[in-house]
Amino acid sequence: MAAVSLRRVLLAALVVVGAAFGLLKAEAGERTPVPQPVKPAAAEKCVADTQFMRRNHMKMLLHQRDETVHEGIRTKQFSLANCVSCHAVKGADGKPVAYSDPKHFCRTCHSYAAVRVDCFECHASRPEEKAKAANASDSSHDPALSALSAHVAEMKK
């Protein structure tokens, strides 16, 4: 019985010392700073208020995806392309940075929160990439794309 009480006292002392050490480190300025992503200079306001977007942006993006893919409804308000074009952060060269850059708007918070973002495995992480993708989709140079385009056109008839 005395051994159990001694263990509890030692455990409590260890917790107190650990907490005190953690507070000392925090006061020494070694905490990871909460990210403050760059807000778009040109925009007057976001599509929704900041607190709502912080908590619900992924739900909105998923809802937008479902409406677009499953229902064929395309709106701009919560589209990923709209987010990327409005929240583009420019690098030293004056061009928007890609998701691989730690300054990318999405990455500032997602890296902090240790959240894996897979949006940009398929979607453009910079506004200019959209134009490049549109030009690359010109099927006149690629026989496989031409065949696919013809097939899709035939299926629509």
Protein backbone atom coordinates (compact mmCIF):
# COMPACT_ATOMS: atom_id res chain seq x y z
CA MET A 1 0.00 0.00 0.00
CA ALA A 2 2.83 2.38 0.85
CA ALA A 3 4.54 1.49 -2.43
CA VAL A 4 1.43 2.53 -4.39
CA SER A 5 1.24 5.89 -2.56
CA LEU A 6 4.94 6.49 -3.15
CA ARG A 7 4.49 5.77 -6.87
CA ARG A 8 1.60 8.23 -7.08
CA VAL A 9 3.61 10.94 -5.32
CA LEU A 10 6.60 10.37 -7.61
CA LEU A 11 4.35 10.37 -10.68
CA ALA A 12 2.68 13.61 -9.57
CA ALA A 13 6.08 15.21 -8.93
CA LEU A 14 7.27 14.12 -12.35
CA VAL A 15 4.18 15.65 -13.99
CA VAL A 16 4.68 18.94 -12.11
CA VAL A 17 8.37 19.11 -13.04
CA GLY A 18 7.56 18.26 -16.67
CA ALA A 19 4.84 20.90 -16.83
CA ALA A 20 7.13 23.50 -15.26
CA PHE A 21 9.86 22.65 -17.78
CA GLY A 22 7.35 22.96 -20.61
CA LEU A 23 6.23 26.38 -19.38
CA LEU A 24 9.82 27.56 -19.10
CA LYS A 25 10.48 26.51 -22.69
CA ALA A 26 7.30 28.25 -23.81
CA GLU A 27 8.31 31.45 -22.06
CA ALA A 28 11.74 31.24 -23.67
CA GLY A 29 10.06 31.76 -27.04
CA GLU A 30 10.64 28.26 -28.33
CA ARG A 31 6.99 27.57 -29.12
CA THR A 32 5.99 27.14 -32.71
CA PRO A 33 4.23 30.35 -33.73
CA VAL A 34 0.64 30.07 -34.92
CA PRO A 35 0.64 30.70 -38.67
CA GLN A 36 -0.69 33.97 -39.99
CA PRO A 37 -1.33 33.30 -43.67
CA VAL A 38 -1.13 36.24 -46.04
CA LYS A 39 -4.54 37.63 -46.82
CA PRO A 40 -5.28 38.64 -50.42
CA ALA A 41 -4.53 42.31 -51.00
CA ALA A 42 -6.99 42.78 -53.84
CA ALA A 43 -9.99 41.13 -52.17
CA GLU A 44 -12.39 43.14 -50.06
CA LYS A 45 -13.62 40.07 -48.17
CA CYS A 46 -13.59 36.29 -48.43
CA VAL A 47 -16.56 34.26 -49.67
CA ALA A 48 -17.40 33.71 -45.98
CA ASP A 49 -16.14 35.10 -42.68
CA THR A 50 -12.68 34.07 -41.46
CA GLN A 51 -13.76 31.93 -38.50
CA PHE A 52 -16.26 30.02 -40.67
CA MET A 53 -13.63 29.37 -43.34
CA ARG A 54 -11.04 28.22 -40.80
CA ARG A 55 -13.41 25.59 -39.46
CA ASN A 56 -15.39 24.64 -42.56
CA HIS A 57 -13.32 25.26 -45.70
CA MET A 58 -12.76 21.55 -46.29
CA LYS A 59 -16.47 20.79 -45.93
CA MET A 60 -17.21 23.52 -48.46
CA LEU A 61 -14.59 22.21 -50.89
CA LEU A 62 -15.92 18.64 -50.57
CA HIS A 63 -19.50 19.83 -51.02
CA GLN A 64 -18.44 21.81 -54.09
CA ARG A 65 -16.64 18.74 -55.44
CA ASP A 66 -19.70 16.54 -54.94
CA GLU A 67 -22.02 19.05 -56.61
CA THR A 68 -19.65 19.46 -59.54
CA VAL A 69 -18.71 15.82 -60.09
CA HIS A 70 -21.98 14.09 -59.19
CA GLU A 71 -24.58 16.72 -60.11
CA GLY A 72 -22.78 18.71 -62.83
CA ILE A 73 -23.39 21.96 -60.91
CA ARG A 74 -20.49 24.38 -61.23
CA THR A 75 -20.41 27.43 -59.00
CA LYS A 76 -17.49 29.69 -58.23
CA GLN A 77 -18.04 30.56 -54.56
CA PHE A 78 -16.33 27.58 -52.90
CA SER A 79 -14.38 26.26 -55.89
CA LEU A 80 -10.74 25.30 -55.34
CA ALA A 81 -9.73 27.30 -58.43
CA ASN A 82 -11.36 30.41 -56.94
CA CYS A 83 -9.51 29.89 -53.63
CA VAL A 84 -6.17 29.39 -55.39
CA SER A 85 -6.53 32.44 -57.62
CA CYS A 86 -7.60 34.74 -54.79
CA HIS A 87 -5.14 33.48 -52.15
CA ALA A 88 -2.09 33.17 -54.40
CA VAL A 89 1.11 34.19 -52.58
CA LYS A 90 3.85 35.62 -54.77
CA GLY A 91 7.46 34.55 -54.42
CA ALA A 92 10.65 36.57 -54.90
CA ASP A 93 10.22 36.35 -58.68
CA GLY A 94 6.76 37.96 -58.47
CA LYS A 95 5.00 34.78 -59.59
CA PRO A 96 2.60 32.77 -57.43
CA VAL A 97 4.35 30.05 -55.43
CA ALA A 98 3.45 26.37 -55.80
CA TYR A 99 2.21 24.20 -52.93
CA SER A 100 5.75 22.85 -52.54
CA ASP A 101 6.81 26.29 -51.24
CA PRO A 102 6.28 26.76 -47.46
CA LYS A 103 4.83 30.24 -48.15
CA HIS A 104 1.86 28.81 -50.12
CA PHE A 105 -1.39 30.02 -48.53
CA CYS A 106 -2.80 26.53 -47.87
CA ARG A 107 0.51 25.16 -46.69
CA THR A 108 1.07 27.72 -43.93
CA CYS A 109 -1.73 26.28 -41.78
CA HIS A 110 -1.74 22.70 -43.02
CA SER A 111 1.94 22.21 -42.23
CA TYR A 112 1.40 23.70 -38.77
CA ALA A 113 -1.54 21.36 -38.13
CA ALA A 114 0.27 18.35 -39.69
CA VAL A 115 -2.56 17.88 -42.19
CA ARG A 116 -1.77 16.18 -45.48
CA VAL A 117 -3.23 18.00 -48.44
CA ASP A 118 -3.76 15.94 -51.56
CA CYS A 119 -5.75 18.49 -53.57
CA PHE A 120 -2.74 19.54 -55.58
CA GLU A 121 -1.86 16.06 -56.76
CA CYS A 122 -4.48 16.67 -59.43
CA HIS A 123 -5.42 20.35 -59.18
CA ALA A 124 -3.26 23.38 -59.92
CA SER A 125 -1.75 25.07 -56.87
CA ARG A 126 -1.09 28.31 -58.79
CA PRO A 127 -3.47 30.36 -60.94
CA GLU A 128 -1.17 30.32 -63.99
CA GLU A 129 -1.10 26.54 -64.06
CA LYS A 130 -4.78 26.55 -64.99
CA ALA A 131 -4.05 28.38 -68.23
CA LYS A 132 -1.17 26.00 -68.97
CA ALA A 133 -3.43 23.00 -68.31
CA ALA A 134 -6.05 24.43 -70.67
CA ASN A 135 -3.43 24.83 -73.40
CA ALA A 136 -2.06 21.36 -72.71
CA SER A 137 -5.53 19.88 -73.13
CA ASP A 138 -5.59 20.90 -76.78
CA SER A 139 -6.09 17.46 -78.27
CA SER A 140 -5.03 18.39 -81.81
CA HIS A 141 -1.39 17.41 -81.12
CA ASP A 142 -1.97 14.14 -79.25
CA PRO A 143 -3.64 11.27 -81.14
CA ALA A 144 -4.76 9.57 -77.92
CA LEU A 145 -6.44 12.74 -76.69
CA SER A 146 -8.03 13.27 -80.09
CA ALA A 147 -9.46 9.74 -79.97
CA LEU A 148 -10.73 10.27 -76.43
CA SER A 149 -12.33 13.60 -77.37
CA ALA A 150 -14.03 11.97 -80.33
CA HIS A 151 -15.28 9.15 -78.12
CA VAL A 152 -16.68 11.58 -75.53
CA ALA A 153 -18.36 13.62 -78.27
CA GLU A 154 -19.90 10.43 -79.67
CA MET A 155 -21.16 9.39 -76.21
CA LYS A 156 -22.88 12.75 -75.75
CA LYS A 157 -25.00 12.23 -78.91
